[in-house]
Amino acid sequence: MTAWLPLAQSTAEEGLHVILGMLVTGLVFALIVVVGEYVHYRRHFRHRRY
């Protein structure tokens, strides 16, 4: 039982990992939205120019 004890994290460390995971997930989601909007914007003005 004591073999896994050093691998156990405190509640604060575990909460920090959860919050950081949620932050990374949100940033990836926002990046996908921003790239999609940029591609839409570029297509719109590329077709208008010609």
C-alpha atoms as a PDB file:
ATOM      1  CA  MET A   1       0.000   0.000   0.000  1.00  0.00           C
ATOM      2  CA  THR A   2       2.831   2.403   0.698  1.00  0.00           C
ATOM      3  CA  ALA A   3       4.380   1.747  -2.724  1.00  0.00           C
ATOM      4  CA  TRP A   4       1.914   4.065  -4.506  1.00  0.00           C
ATOM      5  CA  LEU A   5       1.885   6.696  -1.763  1.00  0.00           C
ATOM      6  CA  PRO A   6       4.661   8.893  -3.295  1.00  0.00           C
ATOM      7  CA  LEU A   7       2.727   8.895  -6.574  1.00  0.00           C
ATOM      8  CA  ALA A   8      -0.418  10.236  -4.922  1.00  0.00           C
ATOM      9  CA  GLN A   9      -1.088  13.919  -5.444  1.00  0.00           C
ATOM     10  CA  SER A  10      -2.567  16.338  -3.014  1.00  0.00           C
ATOM     11  CA  THR A  11      -5.998  17.740  -3.715  1.00  0.00           C
ATOM     12  CA  ALA A  12      -4.513  21.110  -4.649  1.00  0.00           C
ATOM     13  CA  GLU A  13      -2.127  19.566  -7.191  1.00  0.00           C
ATOM     14  CA  GLU A  14      -4.893  17.479  -8.673  1.00  0.00           C
ATOM     15  CA  GLY A  15      -7.168  20.530  -8.924  1.00  0.00           C
ATOM     16  CA  LEU A  16      -4.385  22.477 -10.618  1.00  0.00           C
ATOM     17  CA  HIS A  17      -4.020  19.747 -13.234  1.00  0.00           C
ATOM     18  CA  VAL A  18      -7.759  19.726 -13.835  1.00  0.00           C
ATOM     19  CA  ILE A  19      -7.870  23.504 -14.258  1.00  0.00           C
ATOM     20  CA  LEU A  20      -4.862  23.500 -16.581  1.00  0.00           C
ATOM     21  CA  GLY A  21      -6.454  20.725 -18.644  1.00  0.00           C
ATOM     22  CA  MET A  22      -9.664  22.702 -18.962  1.00  0.00           C
ATOM     23  CA  LEU A  23      -7.696  25.825 -19.931  1.00  0.00           C
ATOM     24  CA  VAL A  24      -5.780  23.971 -22.642  1.00  0.00           C
ATOM     25  CA  THR A  25      -9.008  22.433 -23.968  1.00  0.00           C
ATOM     26  CA  GLY A  26     -10.665  25.859 -24.109  1.00  0.00           C
ATOM     27  CA  LEU A  27      -7.684  27.397 -25.875  1.00  0.00           C
ATOM     28  CA  VAL A  28      -7.668  24.627 -28.489  1.00  0.00           C
ATOM     29  CA  PHE A  29     -11.393  25.133 -29.051  1.00  0.00           C
ATOM     30  CA  ALA A  30     -10.940  28.913 -29.374  1.00  0.00           C
ATOM     31  CA  LEU A  31      -8.021  28.417 -31.771  1.00  0.00           C
ATOM     32  CA  ILE A  32     -10.161  26.211 -34.017  1.00  0.00           C
ATOM     33  CA  VAL A  33     -12.885  28.872 -34.079  1.00  0.00           C
ATOM     34  CA  VAL A  34     -10.403  31.671 -34.838  1.00  0.00           C
ATOM     35  CA  VAL A  35      -8.762  29.717 -37.664  1.00  0.00           C
ATOM     36  CA  GLY A  36     -12.187  28.906 -39.134  1.00  0.00           C
ATOM     37  CA  GLU A  37     -13.251  32.534 -39.025  1.00  0.00           C
ATOM     38  CA  TYR A  38      -9.968  33.635 -40.602  1.00  0.00           C
ATOM     39  CA  VAL A  39     -10.362  31.138 -43.451  1.00  0.00           C
ATOM     40  CA  HIS A  40     -13.943  32.318 -43.993  1.00  0.00           C
ATOM     41  CA  TYR A  41     -12.776  35.962 -44.021  1.00  0.00           C
ATOM     42  CA  ARG A  42      -9.974  35.235 -46.502  1.00  0.00           C
ATOM     43  CA  ARG A  43     -12.307  33.332 -48.836  1.00  0.00           C
ATOM     44  CA  HIS A  44     -14.866  36.107 -48.750  1.00  0.00           C
ATOM     45  CA  PHE A  45     -12.427  38.825 -49.753  1.00  0.00           C
ATOM     46  CA  ARG A  46     -10.516  36.653 -52.221  1.00  0.00           C
ATOM     47  CA  HIS A  47     -13.672  36.064 -54.249  1.00  0.00           C
ATOM     48  CA  ARG A  48     -14.646  39.735 -54.052  1.00  0.00           C
ATOM     49  CA  ARG A  49     -11.350  40.952 -55.418  1.00  0.00           C
ATOM     50  CA  TYR A  50     -11.506  39.091 -58.741  1.00  0.00           C
END
